């Protein structure tokens, strides 16, 4: 049987969009700013947090928070 792909599109407050794939539970594969990123899962008190190289993606339900340390920018995102 074909596996259902766990791919979601998040729309963020600043107008940007993030594609996120969670087929591998240990990683989030993000499409962000035209780049493909592979973020390993990190410890989190609640929700699921993925982070690497100054980029952090933290998911709780349909909401996510995208933090880009280098840009000093944190935006809230939501998927339908």
C-alpha atoms as a PDB file:
ATOM      1  CA  UNK A   1       0.000   0.000   0.000  1.00  0.00           C
ATOM      2  CA  UNK A   2       1.220   3.487  -0.807  1.00  0.00           C
ATOM      3  CA  UNK A   3       2.266   5.560   2.170  1.00  0.00           C
ATOM      4  CA  UNK A   4       0.532   8.879   2.668  1.00  0.00           C
ATOM      5  CA  UNK A   5       3.162  11.576   2.368  1.00  0.00           C
ATOM      6  CA  UNK A   6       3.393  13.848   5.382  1.00  0.00           C
ATOM      7  CA  UNK A   7       3.968  17.057   3.469  1.00  0.00           C
ATOM      8  CA  UNK A   8       2.429  20.344   4.568  1.00  0.00           C
ATOM      9  CA  UNK A   9       2.434  23.912   3.347  1.00  0.00           C
ATOM     10  CA  UNK A  10       2.714  26.559   6.051  1.00  0.00           C
ATOM     11  CA  UNK A  11       1.767  30.178   5.411  1.00  0.00           C
ATOM     12  CA  UNK A  12       3.577  32.676   7.600  1.00  0.00           C
ATOM     13  CA  UNK A  13       2.622  36.096   8.948  1.00  0.00           C
ATOM     14  CA  UNK A  14       5.267  37.836   6.847  1.00  0.00           C
ATOM     15  CA  UNK A  15       3.828  36.408   3.611  1.00  0.00           C
ATOM     16  CA  UNK A  16       6.453  33.700   3.212  1.00  0.00           C
ATOM     17  CA  UNK A  17       5.605  30.047   2.746  1.00  0.00           C
ATOM     18  CA  UNK A  18       7.340  26.988   4.106  1.00  0.00           C
ATOM     19  CA  UNK A  19       6.960  23.494   2.700  1.00  0.00           C
ATOM     20  CA  UNK A  20       7.624  20.836   5.322  1.00  0.00           C
ATOM     21  CA  UNK A  21       7.906  17.086   4.958  1.00  0.00           C
ATOM     22  CA  UNK A  22       7.923  14.731   7.937  1.00  0.00           C
ATOM     23  CA  UNK A  23       8.192  11.296   6.266  1.00  0.00           C
ATOM     24  CA  UNK A  24      11.216  10.598   8.472  1.00  0.00           C
ATOM     25  CA  UNK A  25      10.180  11.244  12.104  1.00  0.00           C
ATOM     26  CA  UNK A  26      13.740  12.212  13.072  1.00  0.00           C
ATOM     27  CA  UNK A  27      13.914  15.081  10.565  1.00  0.00           C
ATOM     28  CA  UNK A  28      11.915  17.898   9.045  1.00  0.00           C
ATOM     29  CA  UNK A  29      12.690  18.547   5.388  1.00  0.00           C
ATOM     30  CA  UNK A  30      11.885  22.200   4.737  1.00  0.00           C
ATOM     31  CA  UNK A  31      11.561  24.177   1.531  1.00  0.00           C
ATOM     32  CA  UNK A  32      12.437  27.710   2.575  1.00  0.00           C
ATOM     33  CA  UNK A  33      13.648  30.713   0.554  1.00  0.00           C
ATOM     34  CA  UNK A  34      14.164  28.421  -2.437  1.00  0.00           C
ATOM     35  CA  UNK A  35      16.447  26.114  -0.459  1.00  0.00           C
ATOM     36  CA  UNK A  36      15.975  22.577   0.813  1.00  0.00           C
ATOM     37  CA  UNK A  37      16.877  22.152   4.467  1.00  0.00           C
ATOM     38  CA  UNK A  38      17.131  19.017   6.586  1.00  0.00           C
ATOM     39  CA  UNK A  39      16.573  19.864  10.250  1.00  0.00           C
ATOM     40  CA  UNK A  40      17.061  17.189  12.909  1.00  0.00           C
ATOM     41  CA  UNK A  41      14.444  16.869  15.644  1.00  0.00           C
ATOM     42  CA  UNK A  42      15.454  18.414  18.970  1.00  0.00           C
ATOM     43  CA  UNK A  43      14.167  18.025  22.499  1.00  0.00           C
ATOM     44  CA  UNK A  44      11.054  20.043  23.164  1.00  0.00           C
ATOM     45  CA  UNK A  45       8.799  20.450  26.170  1.00  0.00           C
ATOM     46  CA  UNK A  46       5.734  20.379  23.950  1.00  0.00           C
ATOM     47  CA  UNK A  47       5.148  20.047  20.247  1.00  0.00           C
ATOM     48  CA  UNK A  48       7.931  19.066  17.860  1.00  0.00           C
ATOM     49  CA  UNK A  49      11.016  21.200  17.366  1.00  0.00           C
ATOM     50  CA  UNK A  50      13.546  20.888  14.560  1.00  0.00           C
ATOM     51  CA  UNK A  51      16.679  23.012  14.394  1.00  0.00           C
ATOM     52  CA  UNK A  52      20.018  23.387  12.623  1.00  0.00           C
ATOM     53  CA  UNK A  53      22.369  26.172  11.535  1.00  0.00           C
ATOM     54  CA  UNK A  54      20.408  29.020  13.081  1.00  0.00           C
ATOM     55  CA  UNK A  55      17.048  27.881  11.747  1.00  0.00           C
ATOM     56  CA  UNK A  56      14.431  26.517  14.096  1.00  0.00           C
ATOM     57  CA  UNK A  57      10.977  25.193  13.191  1.00  0.00           C
ATOM     58  CA  UNK A  58       8.678  24.455  16.120  1.00  0.00           C
ATOM     59  CA  UNK A  59       5.310  22.811  15.505  1.00  0.00           C
ATOM     60  CA  UNK A  60       2.267  22.645  17.753  1.00  0.00           C
ATOM     61  CA  UNK A  61      -0.842  21.295  16.069  1.00  0.00           C
ATOM     62  CA  UNK A  62      -1.550  23.381  12.956  1.00  0.00           C
ATOM     63  CA  UNK A  63       0.706  26.198  14.118  1.00  0.00           C
ATOM     64  CA  UNK A  64       4.433  26.561  13.687  1.00  0.00           C
ATOM     65  CA  UNK A  65       7.055  29.085  14.661  1.00  0.00           C
ATOM     66  CA  UNK A  66       9.925  29.727  12.282  1.00  0.00           C
ATOM     67  CA  UNK A  67      12.984  31.329  13.804  1.00  0.00           C
ATOM     68  CA  UNK A  68      15.901  32.517  11.688  1.00  0.00           C
ATOM     69  CA  UNK A  69      18.678  33.562  14.039  1.00  0.00           C
ATOM     70  CA  UNK A  70      20.854  35.098  11.351  1.00  0.00           C
ATOM     71  CA  UNK A  71      18.032  37.374  10.218  1.00  0.00           C
ATOM     72  CA  UNK A  72      16.962  38.000  13.814  1.00  0.00           C
ATOM     73  CA  UNK A  73      13.498  37.035  12.681  1.00  0.00           C
ATOM     74  CA  UNK A  74      10.748  34.905  14.182  1.00  0.00           C
ATOM     75  CA  UNK A  75       7.419  34.451  12.390  1.00  0.00           C
ATOM     76  CA  UNK A  76       4.301  32.492  13.165  1.00  0.00           C
ATOM     77  CA  UNK A  77       3.018  30.137  10.489  1.00  0.00           C
ATOM     78  CA  UNK A  78      -0.095  28.014  10.058  1.00  0.00           C
ATOM     79  CA  UNK A  79      -1.080  25.060   7.889  1.00  0.00           C
ATOM     80  CA  UNK A  80      -4.617  24.189   6.856  1.00  0.00           C
END
